[in-house]
């Protein structure tokens, strides 16, 4: 499965890169328009990852299977990573366009706050030693944190600022607010980043399972050593 996802990721990324490089330059933005081919899919991937964190957390609460907790962790880490990519890409675009790397626009502010929310999620996990309690608490935080996705998406509509409105409008009449010539590039990039998410989720989930098995093995060894010490003293 990992190999298949890796192959699909490489193939779709290669097509997306080729389409992006072949796309014509924007009349106003010039080559800056190509940042959109990374920025928009990165934002999509962060939404997908945060949504996955909430979904896997919910599945854990329902089924109490540790694999869902491992996938929730993996998805949160991926979400944080690609939120950073989204912010960096946006800053690189903003400097020549707005004259500054950062403004406290509603969309930008809520995006930055997601790093606080999911950074807190990861911090909470590191502070709780008991695996079952850690999974329960993290699941609740992950589910509540998923509210970030619709708030961030609608921020440009609810609090008008300098950030442009949604590239793809999903509420009301569906509308794509970008030049049609860039539509196929963005679509291919979103598909590629979706495969990238699934690949990273699979790899990180596997690593988390190995880490969990190692922790349990070390715990059993410690308990065994403590039992032997108790028996010798007895």
Protein backbone atom coordinates (compact mmCIF):
# COMPACT_ATOMS: atom_id res chain seq x y z
CA UNK A 1 0.00 0.00 0.00
CA UNK A 2 2.79 2.43 0.91
CA UNK A 3 4.60 1.74 -2.37
CA UNK A 4 1.40 2.23 -4.37
CA UNK A 5 0.62 5.53 -2.65
CA UNK A 6 4.22 6.66 -3.08
CA UNK A 7 4.10 5.92 -6.79
CA UNK A 8 0.78 7.73 -7.22
CA UNK A 9 2.14 10.71 -5.29
CA UNK A 10 5.29 11.00 -7.39
CA UNK A 11 3.37 10.61 -10.65
CA UNK A 12 0.69 13.19 -9.85
CA UNK A 13 3.22 15.64 -8.43
CA UNK A 14 5.28 15.33 -11.62
CA UNK A 15 2.22 16.09 -13.75
CA UNK A 16 1.25 19.02 -11.50
CA UNK A 17 4.77 20.49 -11.71
CA UNK A 18 4.82 20.12 -15.50
CA UNK A 19 1.42 21.80 -15.84
CA UNK A 20 2.46 24.55 -13.44
CA UNK A 21 5.63 25.35 -15.34
CA UNK A 22 3.76 25.33 -18.65
CA UNK A 23 0.96 27.60 -17.41
CA UNK A 24 1.07 31.15 -18.82
CA UNK A 25 2.16 34.00 -16.57
CA UNK A 26 -0.52 36.20 -15.09
CA UNK A 27 -0.95 39.65 -16.64
CA UNK A 28 -0.71 41.40 -13.27
CA UNK A 29 1.23 39.00 -11.05
CA UNK A 30 3.62 37.49 -13.56
CA UNK A 31 5.44 34.41 -12.26
CA UNK A 32 4.06 35.00 -8.74
CA UNK A 33 0.91 33.25 -9.88
CA UNK A 34 2.78 29.95 -9.70
CA UNK A 35 2.93 30.23 -5.92
CA UNK A 36 -0.82 29.61 -6.03
CA UNK A 37 -0.14 26.08 -7.30
CA UNK A 38 1.56 25.28 -3.99
CA UNK A 39 -0.26 27.64 -1.63
CA UNK A 40 -3.83 26.54 -2.42
CA UNK A 41 -3.13 22.76 -2.38
CA UNK A 42 -1.15 23.17 0.87
CA UNK A 43 -4.13 24.91 2.46
CA UNK A 44 -6.38 22.13 1.18
CA UNK A 45 -4.06 19.49 2.64
CA UNK A 46 -4.06 21.22 6.03
CA UNK A 47 -7.88 21.21 6.01
CA UNK A 48 -7.85 17.54 5.05
CA UNK A 49 -5.35 16.68 7.76
CA UNK A 50 -7.18 18.56 10.52
CA UNK A 51 -10.45 17.00 9.41
CA UNK A 52 -8.72 13.62 9.55
CA UNK A 53 -7.53 14.32 13.09
CA UNK A 54 -11.10 14.93 14.20
CA UNK A 55 -12.48 11.94 12.29
CA UNK A 56 -9.87 9.50 13.59
CA UNK A 57 -10.37 10.84 17.10
CA UNK A 58 -14.11 10.25 16.81
CA UNK A 59 -13.51 6.72 15.52
CA UNK A 60 -11.25 6.06 18.50
CA UNK A 61 -13.93 7.21 20.96
CA UNK A 62 -16.46 4.92 19.26
CA UNK A 63 -14.30 1.81 18.74
CA UNK A 64 -11.46 2.26 21.26
CA UNK A 65 -8.96 0.94 18.74
CA UNK A 66 -5.48 2.37 19.14
CA UNK A 67 -4.84 2.50 15.41
CA UNK A 68 -7.31 5.39 15.13
CA UNK A 69 -5.38 7.30 17.77
CA UNK A 70 -2.13 6.72 15.89
CA UNK A 71 -3.69 8.01 12.67
CA UNK A 72 -5.08 11.05 14.49
CA UNK A 73 -1.57 11.87 15.71
CA UNK A 74 -0.11 11.38 12.26
CA UNK A 75 -2.78 13.55 10.66
CA UNK A 76 -2.27 16.36 13.19
CA UNK A 77 1.48 16.41 12.54
CA UNK A 78 0.89 16.55 8.79
CA UNK A 79 -1.64 19.36 9.27
CA UNK A 80 0.82 21.44 11.26
CA UNK A 81 3.56 20.86 8.68
CA UNK A 82 1.43 21.98 5.75
CA UNK A 83 -0.05 24.89 7.64
CA UNK A 84 3.51 26.17 7.93
CA UNK A 85 3.97 25.56 4.18
CA UNK A 86 0.74 27.47 3.54
CA UNK A 87 1.85 30.42 5.66
CA UNK A 88 5.32 30.57 4.12
CA UNK A 89 3.89 30.41 0.59
CA UNK A 90 1.42 33.14 1.43
CA UNK A 91 4.16 35.36 2.87
CA UNK A 92 6.29 34.96 -0.24
CA UNK A 93 3.32 36.05 -2.32
CA UNK A 94 2.29 38.86 0.04
CA UNK A 95 5.60 40.72 0.13
CA UNK A 96 5.69 41.78 -3.55
CA UNK A 97 1.88 42.06 -3.72
CA UNK A 98 0.93 43.78 -0.44
CA UNK A 99 4.34 45.24 0.35
CA UNK A 100 4.64 43.25 3.59
CA UNK A 101 5.08 39.62 4.57
CA UNK A 102 2.30 39.62 7.13
CA UNK A 103 -0.89 41.47 8.06
CA UNK A 104 -3.32 40.55 10.81
CA UNK A 105 -6.03 39.71 8.33
CA UNK A 106 -8.81 37.36 9.53
CA UNK A 107 -7.73 34.50 7.25
CA UNK A 108 -4.07 34.84 8.19
CA UNK A 109 -4.81 35.23 11.89
CA UNK A 110 -7.04 32.14 12.07
CA UNK A 111 -4.44 30.18 10.11
CA UNK A 112 -1.76 31.17 12.61
CA UNK A 113 -4.10 30.25 15.48
CA UNK A 114 -4.42 26.73 14.07
CA UNK A 115 -0.74 26.26 14.85
CA UNK A 116 -1.52 27.15 18.46
CA UNK A 117 -4.50 24.75 18.57
CA UNK A 118 -2.75 21.78 17.01
CA UNK A 119 0.57 22.59 18.62
CA UNK A 120 -1.38 22.36 21.88
CA UNK A 121 -2.85 19.06 20.70
CA UNK A 122 0.64 17.65 20.19
CA UNK A 123 1.82 19.13 23.50
CA UNK A 124 -1.05 17.52 25.40
CA UNK A 125 -0.14 14.17 23.91
CA UNK A 126 3.44 14.53 25.12
CA UNK A 127 2.32 15.38 28.68
CA UNK A 128 0.07 12.34 29.25
CA UNK A 129 1.84 9.03 29.83
CA UNK A 130 -1.17 6.73 30.08
CA UNK A 131 -1.92 5.65 26.46
CA UNK A 132 -5.69 5.24 26.91
CA UNK A 133 -6.18 8.55 28.71
CA UNK A 134 -3.90 10.29 26.22
CA UNK A 135 -5.95 8.93 23.33
CA UNK A 136 -9.28 9.98 24.92
CA UNK A 137 -8.18 13.52 25.75
CA UNK A 138 -6.49 13.97 22.39
CA UNK A 139 -9.58 12.74 20.56
CA UNK A 140 -11.76 15.37 22.24
CA UNK A 141 -9.25 18.15 21.50
CA UNK A 142 -8.93 16.95 17.90
CA UNK A 143 -12.70 16.92 17.36
CA UNK A 144 -13.15 20.42 18.81
CA UNK A 145 -10.14 21.67 16.84
CA UNK A 146 -11.79 20.59 13.59
CA UNK A 147 -14.08 23.63 13.97
CA UNK A 148 -11.07 25.61 12.73
CA UNK A 149 -11.64 24.40 9.17
CA UNK A 150 -15.02 26.06 8.44
CA UNK A 151 -14.07 29.16 10.45
CA UNK A 152 -10.84 29.62 8.48
CA UNK A 153 -12.57 28.92 5.17
CA UNK A 154 -15.31 31.46 5.85
CA UNK A 155 -13.04 34.06 7.47
CA UNK A 156 -12.70 36.03 4.22
CA UNK A 157 -16.50 36.24 3.99
CA UNK A 158 -17.29 36.95 7.63
CA UNK A 159 -14.48 39.44 8.25
CA UNK A 160 -13.50 41.16 5.04
CA UNK A 161 -9.80 42.01 4.91
CA UNK A 162 -6.99 42.20 2.39
CA UNK A 163 -6.95 38.47 1.69
CA UNK A 164 -8.78 37.50 -1.45
CA UNK A 165 -12.01 35.52 -1.17
CA UNK A 166 -12.09 31.75 -1.65
CA UNK A 167 -10.58 30.44 -4.88
CA UNK A 168 -13.30 27.79 -4.88
CA UNK A 169 -16.65 28.90 -3.46
CA UNK A 170 -18.62 25.96 -2.10
CA UNK A 171 -21.55 27.72 -0.41
CA UNK A 172 -24.44 28.87 -2.52
CA UNK A 173 -23.60 28.64 -6.18
CA UNK A 174 -20.31 26.78 -6.63
CA UNK A 175 -17.84 29.08 -8.37
CA UNK A 176 -14.13 28.90 -9.27
CA UNK A 177 -12.62 32.37 -8.93
CA UNK A 178 -9.43 31.92 -10.92
CA UNK A 179 -8.62 32.07 -14.60
CA UNK A 180 -9.83 28.84 -16.28
CA UNK A 181 -6.33 28.27 -17.68
CA UNK A 182 -5.14 27.69 -14.11
CA UNK A 183 -8.02 25.43 -13.14
CA UNK A 184 -6.50 22.19 -14.41
CA UNK A 185 -3.19 22.97 -12.76
CA UNK A 186 -4.85 23.58 -9.40
CA UNK A 187 -7.02 20.47 -9.77
CA UNK A 188 -3.98 18.32 -10.52
CA UNK A 189 -2.03 19.88 -7.66
CA UNK A 190 -4.88 19.22 -5.22
CA UNK A 191 -5.06 15.59 -6.37
CA UNK A 192 -1.29 15.26 -5.97
CA UNK A 193 -1.34 16.77 -2.48
CA UNK A 194 -4.21 14.46 -1.52
CA UNK A 195 -2.10 11.46 -2.50
CA UNK A 196 0.80 13.04 -0.60
CA UNK A 197 -1.37 13.26 2.52
CA UNK A 198 -2.42 9.62 2.24
CA UNK A 199 1.19 8.55 1.72
CA UNK A 200 2.52 10.55 4.67
CA UNK A 201 -0.39 9.35 6.83
CA UNK A 202 0.45 5.74 5.99
CA UNK A 203 4.17 6.16 6.70
CA UNK A 204 3.71 8.16 9.91
CA UNK A 205 1.02 5.79 11.14
CA UNK A 206 3.36 2.84 10.64
CA UNK A 207 6.14 4.63 12.54
CA UNK A 208 3.70 5.49 15.35
CA UNK A 209 2.72 1.82 15.62
CA UNK A 210 6.38 0.85 15.95
CA UNK A 211 6.97 3.54 18.58
CA UNK A 212 3.93 2.35 20.50
CA UNK A 213 5.11 -1.28 20.38
CA UNK A 214 8.54 -0.20 21.62
CA UNK A 215 7.00 1.78 24.51
CA UNK A 216 4.87 -1.19 25.53
CA UNK A 217 7.87 -3.51 25.33
CA UNK A 218 9.93 -1.19 27.50
CA UNK A 219 7.04 -0.92 29.98
CA UNK A 220 6.75 -4.69 30.22
CA UNK A 221 10.51 -4.97 30.73
CA UNK A 222 10.36 -2.37 33.53
CA UNK A 223 7.44 -4.17 35.17
CA UNK A 224 9.30 -7.47 34.87
CA UNK A 225 12.43 -5.99 36.42
CA UNK A 226 10.38 -4.47 39.24
CA UNK A 227 8.72 -7.83 39.84
CA UNK A 228 12.05 -9.60 40.02
CA UNK A 229 13.37 -7.03 42.51
CA UNK A 230 10.27 -7.46 44.64
CA UNK A 231 10.63 -11.25 44.60
CA UNK A 232 14.31 -11.08 45.58
CA UNK A 233 13.53 -8.77 48.49
CA UNK A 234 10.70 -11.00 49.56
